[in-house]
Amino acid sequence: MEELLVSIAAGLVENPDAVTATADEPNEEGVVVYHLHVAEADMGRVIGKQGRIAKAIRVVMRAAANKNNMKIAVEID
């Protein structure tokens, strides 16, 4: 899942080498939180106007997680 998140974000930014993702341990509800880290200059590209790109990234990640019977959340740091 981390590789999918990194590959999606790397295609959007100007500095793909700065894109990293980390995952927390599942919480009490079984939700794994993924943290996406990008360069400060690329934050706007990943978030998009009114958060549309960030929302789309979360939808794609949730769909992939559903396929693997997982619950996830994506935070952009």
PDB file of N, CA and C in Angstrom:
ATOM      1  N   MET A   1       0.820  -1.196   0.000  1.00  0.00           N
ATOM      2  CA  MET A   1       0.000   0.000   0.000  1.00  0.00           C
ATOM      3  C   MET A   1       0.868   1.266   0.000  1.00  0.00           C
ATOM      4  N   GLU A   2       1.981   1.212   0.716  1.00  0.00           N
ATOM      5  CA  GLU A   2       2.858   2.377   0.733  1.00  0.00           C
ATOM      6  C   GLU A   2       3.411   2.658  -0.659  1.00  0.00           C
ATOM      7  N   GLU A   3       3.742   1.599  -1.398  1.00  0.00           N
ATOM      8  CA  GLU A   3       4.278   1.779  -2.748  1.00  0.00           C
ATOM      9  C   GLU A   3       3.242   2.434  -3.662  1.00  0.00           C
ATOM     10  N   LEU A   4       1.983   2.048  -3.519  1.00  0.00           N
ATOM     11  CA  LEU A   4       0.918   2.645  -4.323  1.00  0.00           C
ATOM     12  C   LEU A   4       0.788   4.129  -4.012  1.00  0.00           C
ATOM     13  N   LEU A   5       0.802   4.476  -2.740  1.00  0.00           N
ATOM     14  CA  LEU A   5       0.680   5.873  -2.332  1.00  0.00           C
ATOM     15  C   LEU A   5       1.851   6.707  -2.850  1.00  0.00           C
ATOM     16  N   VAL A   6       3.051   6.166  -2.751  1.00  0.00           N
ATOM     17  CA  VAL A   6       4.235   6.889  -3.230  1.00  0.00           C
ATOM     18  C   VAL A   6       4.191   7.049  -4.740  1.00  0.00           C
ATOM     19  N   SER A   7       3.776   6.012  -5.455  1.00  0.00           N
ATOM     20  CA  SER A   7       3.743   6.110  -6.917  1.00  0.00           C
ATOM     21  C   SER A   7       2.688   7.100  -7.388  1.00  0.00           C
ATOM     22  N   ILE A   8       1.555   7.171  -6.717  1.00  0.00           N
ATOM     23  CA  ILE A   8       0.531   8.158  -7.081  1.00  0.00           C
ATOM     24  C   ILE A   8       1.066   9.566  -6.861  1.00  0.00           C
ATOM     25  N   ALA A   9       1.633   9.805  -5.682  1.00  0.00           N
ATOM     26  CA  ALA A   9       2.109  11.152  -5.340  1.00  0.00           C
ATOM     27  C   ALA A   9       3.309  11.553  -6.189  1.00  0.00           C
ATOM     28  N   ALA A  10       4.195  10.604  -6.496  1.00  0.00           N
ATOM     29  CA  ALA A  10       5.389  10.937  -7.276  1.00  0.00           C
ATOM     30  C   ALA A  10       5.025  11.413  -8.677  1.00  0.00           C
ATOM     31  N   GLY A  11       3.925  10.943  -9.209  1.00  0.00           N
ATOM     32  CA  GLY A  11       3.484  11.390 -10.525  1.00  0.00           C
ATOM     33  C   GLY A  11       2.924  12.795 -10.531  1.00  0.00           C
ATOM     34  N   LEU A  12       2.615  13.330  -9.367  1.00  0.00           N
ATOM     35  CA  LEU A  12       2.005  14.658  -9.278  1.00  0.00           C
ATOM     36  C   LEU A  12       2.990  15.779  -8.985  1.00  0.00           C
ATOM     37  N   VAL A  13       4.113  15.447  -8.372  1.00  0.00           N
ATOM     38  CA  VAL A  13       5.012  16.482  -7.862  1.00  0.00           C
ATOM     39  C   VAL A  13       6.188  16.739  -8.800  1.00  0.00           C
ATOM     40  N   GLU A  14       6.867  17.858  -8.555  1.00  0.00           N
ATOM     41  CA  GLU A  14       8.054  18.188  -9.343  1.00  0.00           C
ATOM     42  C   GLU A  14       9.305  17.531  -8.786  1.00  0.00           C
ATOM     43  N   ASN A  15       9.294  17.198  -7.499  1.00  0.00           N
ATOM     44  CA  ASN A  15      10.445  16.582  -6.848  1.00  0.00           C
ATOM     45  C   ASN A  15      10.038  15.199  -6.326  1.00  0.00           C
ATOM     46  N   PRO A  16       9.986  14.186  -7.202  1.00  0.00           N
ATOM     47  CA  PRO A  16       9.511  12.867  -6.762  1.00  0.00           C
ATOM     48  C   PRO A  16      10.455  12.155  -5.789  1.00  0.00           C
ATOM     49  N   ASP A  17      11.713  12.594  -5.708  1.00  0.00           N
ATOM     50  CA  ASP A  17      12.653  11.976  -4.768  1.00  0.00           C
ATOM     51  C   ASP A  17      12.309  12.305  -3.324  1.00  0.00           C
ATOM     52  N   ALA A  18      11.574  13.391  -3.098  1.00  0.00           N
ATOM     53  CA  ALA A  18      11.232  13.817  -1.742  1.00  0.00           C
ATOM     54  C   ALA A  18       9.959  13.156  -1.226  1.00  0.00           C
ATOM     55  N   VAL A  19       9.301  12.351  -2.047  1.00  0.00           N
ATOM     56  CA  VAL A  19       8.040  11.724  -1.644  1.00  0.00           C
ATOM     57  C   VAL A  19       8.325  10.459  -0.832  1.00  0.00           C
ATOM     58  N   THR A  20       7.766  10.419   0.375  1.00  0.00           N
ATOM     59  CA  THR A  20       7.871   9.230   1.218  1.00  0.00           C
ATOM     60  C   THR A  20       6.522   8.966   1.873  1.00  0.00           C
ATOM     61  N   ALA A  21       6.312   7.723   2.266  1.00  0.00           N
ATOM     62  CA  ALA A  21       5.093   7.359   2.976  1.00  0.00           C
ATOM     63  C   ALA A  21       5.459   6.442   4.126  1.00  0.00           C
ATOM     64  N   THR A  22       4.803   6.657   5.247  1.00  0.00           N
ATOM     65  CA  THR A  22       4.995   5.796   6.406  1.00  0.00           C
ATOM     66  C   THR A  22       3.629   5.329   6.882  1.00  0.00           C
ATOM     67  N   ALA A  23       3.619   4.188   7.547  1.00  0.00           N
ATOM     68  CA  ALA A  23       2.362   3.634   8.048  1.00  0.00           C
ATOM     69  C   ALA A  23       2.445   3.447   9.554  1.00  0.00           C
ATOM     70  N   ASP A  24       1.371   3.805  10.240  1.00  0.00           N
ATOM     71  CA  ASP A  24       1.268   3.549  11.666  1.00  0.00           C
ATOM     72  C   ASP A  24       0.737   2.138  11.884  1.00  0.00           C
ATOM     73  N   GLU A  25       0.859   1.671  13.096  1.00  0.00           N
ATOM     74  CA  GLU A  25       0.254   0.391  13.461  1.00  0.00           C
ATOM     75  C   GLU A  25      -1.259   0.560  13.480  1.00  0.00           C
ATOM     76  N   PRO A  26      -2.012  -0.508  13.209  1.00  0.00           N
ATOM     77  CA  PRO A  26      -3.484  -0.392  13.251  1.00  0.00           C
ATOM     78  C   PRO A  26      -3.958   0.054  14.633  1.00  0.00           C
ATOM     79  N   ASN A  27      -4.943   0.961  14.655  1.00  0.00           N
ATOM     80  CA  ASN A  27      -5.476   1.414  15.936  1.00  0.00           C
ATOM     81  C   ASN A  27      -6.512   0.413  16.446  1.00  0.00           C
ATOM     82  N   GLU A  28      -7.228   0.776  17.492  1.00  0.00           N
ATOM     83  CA  GLU A  28      -8.170  -0.157  18.103  1.00  0.00           C
ATOM     84  C   GLU A  28      -9.323  -0.548  17.174  1.00  0.00           C
ATOM     85  N   GLU A  29      -9.588   0.271  16.175  1.00  0.00           N
ATOM     86  CA  GLU A  29     -10.637  -0.045  15.200  1.00  0.00           C
ATOM     87  C   GLU A  29     -10.085  -0.784  13.985  1.00  0.00           C
ATOM     88  N   GLY A  30      -8.789  -1.033  13.953  1.00  0.00           N
ATOM     89  CA  GLY A  30      -8.175  -1.742  12.836  1.00  0.00           C
ATOM     90  C   GLY A  30      -7.824  -0.861  11.658  1.00  0.00           C
ATOM     91  N   VAL A  31      -7.810   0.454  11.863  1.00  0.00           N
ATOM     92  CA  VAL A  31      -7.500   1.400  10.784  1.00  0.00           C
ATOM     93  C   VAL A  31      -6.007   1.688  10.779  1.00  0.00           C
ATOM     94  N   VAL A  32      -5.384   1.519   9.620  1.00  0.00           N
ATOM     95  CA  VAL A  32      -3.970   1.847   9.447  1.00  0.00           C
ATOM     96  C   VAL A  32      -3.892   3.254   8.855  1.00  0.00           C
ATOM     97  N   VAL A  33      -3.141   4.134   9.502  1.00  0.00           N
ATOM     98  CA  VAL A  33      -2.995   5.507   9.019  1.00  0.00           C
ATOM     99  C   VAL A  33      -1.691   5.613   8.240  1.00  0.00           C
ATOM    100  N   TYR A  34      -1.794   6.049   6.986  1.00  0.00           N
ATOM    101  CA  TYR A  34      -0.622   6.277   6.143  1.00  0.00           C
ATOM    102  C   TYR A  34      -0.340   7.768   6.111  1.00  0.00           C
ATOM    103  N   HIS A  35       0.914   8.137   6.323  1.00  0.00           N
ATOM    104  CA  HIS A  35       1.347   9.529   6.298  1.00  0.00           C
ATOM    105  C   HIS A  35       2.155   9.754   5.030  1.00  0.00           C
ATOM    106  N   LEU A  36       1.711  10.672   4.207  1.00  0.00           N
ATOM    107  CA  LEU A  36       2.399  11.021   2.962  1.00  0.00           C
ATOM    108  C   LEU A  36       3.197  12.292   3.198  1.00  0.00           C
ATOM    109  N   HIS A  37       4.494  12.234   2.913  1.00  0.00           N
ATOM    110  CA  HIS A  37       5.381  13.377   3.087  1.00  0.00           C
ATOM    111  C   HIS A  37       5.899  13.793   1.716  1.00  0.00           C
ATOM    112  N   VAL A  38       5.725  15.074   1.389  1.00  0.00           N
ATOM    113  CA  VAL A  38       6.241  15.621   0.128  1.00  0.00           C
ATOM    114  C   VAL A  38       7.009  16.896   0.449  1.00  0.00           C
ATOM    115  N   ALA A  39       7.748  17.391  -0.536  1.00  0.00           N
ATOM    116  CA  ALA A  39       8.482  18.647  -0.351  1.00  0.00           C
ATOM    117  C   ALA A  39       7.489  19.785  -0.123  1.00  0.00           C
ATOM    118  N   GLU A  40       7.918  20.777   0.638  1.00  0.00           N
ATOM    119  CA  GLU A  40       7.042  21.899   0.973  1.00  0.00           C
ATOM    120  C   GLU A  40       6.507  22.600  -0.283  1.00  0.00           C
ATOM    121  N   ALA A  41       7.349  22.706  -1.311  1.00  0.00           N
ATOM    122  CA  ALA A  41       6.930  23.381  -2.541  1.00  0.00           C
ATOM    123  C   ALA A  41       5.887  22.582  -3.312  1.00  0.00           C
ATOM    124  N   ASP A  42       5.788  21.281  -3.062  1.00  0.00           N
ATOM    125  CA  ASP A  42       4.858  20.425  -3.792  1.00  0.00           C
ATOM    126  C   ASP A  42       3.552  20.162  -3.044  1.00  0.00           C
ATOM    127  N   MET A  43       3.377  20.747  -1.865  1.00  0.00           N
ATOM    128  CA  MET A  43       2.163  20.497  -1.088  1.00  0.00           C
ATOM    129  C   MET A  43       0.899  20.890  -1.855  1.00  0.00           C
ATOM    130  N   GLY A  44       0.949  22.019  -2.529  1.00  0.00           N
ATOM    131  CA  GLY A  44      -0.212  22.484  -3.284  1.00  0.00           C
ATOM    132  C   GLY A  44      -0.585  21.541  -4.413  1.00  0.00           C
ATOM    133  N   ARG A  45       0.398  20.929  -5.028  1.00  0.00           N
ATOM    134  CA  ARG A  45       0.137  19.986  -6.113  1.00  0.00           C
ATOM    135  C   ARG A  45      -0.548  18.729  -5.603  1.00  0.00           C
ATOM    136  N   VAL A  46      -0.196  18.295  -4.413  1.00  0.00           N
ATOM    137  CA  VAL A  46      -0.772  17.066  -3.860  1.00  0.00           C
ATOM    138  C   VAL A  46      -2.157  17.326  -3.273  1.00  0.00           C
ATOM    139  N   ILE A  47      -2.358  18.509  -2.704  1.00  0.00           N
ATOM    140  CA  ILE A  47      -3.652  18.823  -2.103  1.00  0.00           C
ATOM    141  C   ILE A  47      -4.651  19.252  -3.173  1.00  0.00           C
ATOM    142  N   GLY A  48      -4.235  20.086  -4.099  1.00  0.00           N
ATOM    143  CA  GLY A  48      -5.113  20.521  -5.177  1.00  0.00           C
ATOM    144  C   GLY A  48      -6.074  21.610  -4.735  1.00  0.00           C
ATOM    145  N   LYS A  49      -6.803  22.140  -5.691  1.00  0.00           N
ATOM    146  CA  LYS A  49      -7.773  23.188  -5.390  1.00  0.00           C
ATOM    147  C   LYS A  49      -8.913  22.598  -4.570  1.00  0.00           C
ATOM    148  N   GLN A  50      -9.171  23.230  -3.437  1.00  0.00           N
ATOM    149  CA  GLN A  50     -10.213  22.807  -2.496  1.00  0.00           C
ATOM    150  C   GLN A  50     -10.048  21.353  -2.063  1.00  0.00           C
ATOM    151  N   GLY A  51      -8.821  20.842  -2.120  1.00  0.00           N
ATOM    152  CA  GLY A  51      -8.542  19.490  -1.647  1.00  0.00           C
ATOM    153  C   GLY A  51      -9.014  18.377  -2.555  1.00  0.00           C
ATOM    154  N   ARG A  52      -9.288  18.683  -3.798  1.00  0.00           N
ATOM    155  CA  ARG A  52      -9.833  17.674  -4.711  1.00  0.00           C
ATOM    156  C   ARG A  52      -8.853  16.549  -5.016  1.00  0.00           C
ATOM    157  N   ILE A  53      -7.590  16.879  -5.218  1.00  0.00           N
ATOM    158  CA  ILE A  53      -6.597  15.837  -5.525  1.00  0.00           C
ATOM    159  C   ILE A  53      -6.353  14.972  -4.297  1.00  0.00           C
ATOM    160  N   ALA A  54      -6.278  15.598  -3.125  1.00  0.00           N
ATOM    161  CA  ALA A  54      -6.096  14.837  -1.889  1.00  0.00           C
ATOM    162  C   ALA A  54      -7.265  13.886  -1.677  1.00  0.00           C
ATOM    163  N   LYS A  55      -8.464  14.360  -1.947  1.00  0.00           N
ATOM    164  CA  LYS A  55      -9.651  13.515  -1.809  1.00  0.00           C
ATOM    165  C   LYS A  55      -9.610  12.353  -2.794  1.00  0.00           C
ATOM    166  N   ALA A  56      -9.163  12.608  -4.008  1.00  0.00           N
ATOM    167  CA  ALA A  56      -9.064  11.551  -5.014  1.00  0.00           C
ATOM    168  C   ALA A  56      -8.020  10.508  -4.615  1.00  0.00           C
ATOM    169  N   ILE A  57      -6.901  10.957  -4.052  1.00  0.00           N
ATOM    170  CA  ILE A  57      -5.876  10.021  -3.578  1.00  0.00           C
ATOM    171  C   ILE A  57      -6.455   9.133  -2.487  1.00  0.00           C
ATOM    172  N   ARG A  58      -7.209   9.726  -1.580  1.00  0.00           N
ATOM    173  CA  ARG A  58      -7.813   8.945  -0.491  1.00  0.00           C
ATOM    174  C   ARG A  58      -8.818   7.930  -1.022  1.00  0.00           C
ATOM    175  N   VAL A  59      -9.586   8.307  -2.038  1.00  0.00           N
ATOM    176  CA  VAL A  59     -10.573   7.386  -2.620  1.00  0.00           C
ATOM    177  C   VAL A  59      -9.882   6.191  -3.268  1.00  0.00           C
ATOM    178  N   VAL A  60      -8.834   6.446  -4.026  1.00  0.00           N
ATOM    179  CA  VAL A  60      -8.100   5.360  -4.685  1.00  0.00           C
ATOM    180  C   VAL A  60      -7.468   4.441  -3.647  1.00  0.00           C
ATOM    181  N   MET A  61      -6.881   5.018  -2.621  1.00  0.00           N
ATOM    182  CA  MET A  61      -6.249   4.210  -1.583  1.00  0.00           C
ATOM    183  C   MET A  61      -7.278   3.382  -0.818  1.00  0.00           C
ATOM    184  N   ARG A  62      -8.452   3.971  -0.518  1.00  0.00           N
ATOM    185  CA  ARG A  62      -9.493   3.217   0.168  1.00  0.00           C
ATOM    186  C   ARG A  62     -10.014   2.068  -0.687  1.00  0.00           C
ATOM    187  N   ALA A  63     -10.112   2.293  -1.991  1.00  0.00           N
ATOM    188  CA  ALA A  63     -10.562   1.228  -2.894  1.00  0.00           C
ATOM    189  C   ALA A  63      -9.559   0.082  -2.916  1.00  0.00           C
ATOM    190  N   ALA A  64      -8.280   0.409  -2.962  1.00  0.00           N
ATOM    191  CA  ALA A  64      -7.255  -0.637  -2.943  1.00  0.00           C
ATOM    192  C   ALA A  64      -7.253  -1.369  -1.608  1.00  0.00           C
ATOM    193  N   ALA A  65      -7.486  -0.650  -0.525  1.00  0.00           N
ATOM    194  CA  ALA A  65      -7.518  -1.275   0.799  1.00  0.00           C
ATOM    195  C   ALA A  65      -8.736  -2.185   0.932  1.00  0.00           C
ATOM    196  N   ASN A  66      -9.871  -1.755   0.397  1.00  0.00           N
ATOM    197  CA  ASN A  66     -11.085  -2.580   0.434  1.00  0.00           C
ATOM    198  C   ASN A  66     -10.856  -3.905  -0.263  1.00  0.00           C
ATOM    199  N   LYS A  67     -10.124  -3.856  -1.350  1.00  0.00           N
ATOM    200  CA  LYS A  67      -9.837  -5.073  -2.102  1.00  0.00           C
ATOM    201  C   LYS A  67      -9.021  -6.054  -1.271  1.00  0.00           C
ATOM    202  N   ASN A  68      -8.200  -5.526  -0.353  1.00  0.00           N
ATOM    203  CA  ASN A  68      -7.362  -6.348   0.520  1.00  0.00           C
ATOM    204  C   ASN A  68      -7.962  -6.515   1.916  1.00  0.00           C
ATOM    205  N   ASN A  69      -9.235  -6.170   2.078  1.00  0.00           N
ATOM    206  CA  ASN A  69      -9.934  -6.268   3.367  1.00  0.00           C
ATOM    207  C   ASN A  69      -9.209  -5.500   4.474  1.00  0.00           C
ATOM    208  N   MET A  70      -8.813  -4.275   4.151  1.00  0.00           N
ATOM    209  CA  MET A  70      -8.129  -3.416   5.112  1.00  0.00           C
ATOM    210  C   MET A  70      -8.935  -2.129   5.289  1.00  0.00           C
ATOM    211  N   LYS A  71      -8.696  -1.449   6.402  1.00  0.00           N
ATOM    212  CA  LYS A  71      -9.250  -0.118   6.617  1.00  0.00           C
ATOM    213  C   LYS A  71      -8.068   0.829   6.734  1.00  0.00           C
ATOM    214  N   ILE A  72      -8.083   1.905   5.939  1.00  0.00           N
ATOM    215  CA  ILE A  72      -6.966   2.837   5.976  1.00  0.00           C
ATOM    216  C   ILE A  72      -7.448   4.279   6.005  1.00  0.00           C
ATOM    217  N   ALA A  73      -6.543   5.146   6.367  1.00  0.00           N
ATOM    218  CA  ALA A  73      -6.733   6.594   6.277  1.00  0.00           C
ATOM    219  C   ALA A  73      -5.425   7.178   5.767  1.00  0.00           C
ATOM    220  N   VAL A  74      -5.519   8.246   4.992  1.00  0.00           N
ATOM    221  CA  VAL A  74      -4.324   8.877   4.437  1.00  0.00           C
ATOM    222  C   VAL A  74      -4.256  10.308   4.953  1.00  0.00           C
ATOM    223  N   GLU A  75      -3.118  10.657   5.534  1.00  0.00           N
ATOM    224  CA  GLU A  75      -2.860  12.026   5.985  1.00  0.00           C
ATOM    225  C   GLU A  75      -1.690  12.569   5.188  1.00  0.00           C
ATOM    226  N   ILE A  76      -1.813  13.812   4.758  1.00  0.00           N
ATOM    227  CA  ILE A  76      -0.747  14.445   3.979  1.00  0.00           C
ATOM    228  C   ILE A  76      -0.025  15.416   4.901  1.00  0.00           C
ATOM    229  N   ASP A  77       1.255  15.140   5.130  1.00  0.00           N
ATOM    230  CA  ASP A  77       2.056  15.967   6.050  1.00  0.00           C
ATOM    231  C   ASP A  77       3.047  16.806   5.283  1.00  0.00           C
TER     232      ASP A  77
END
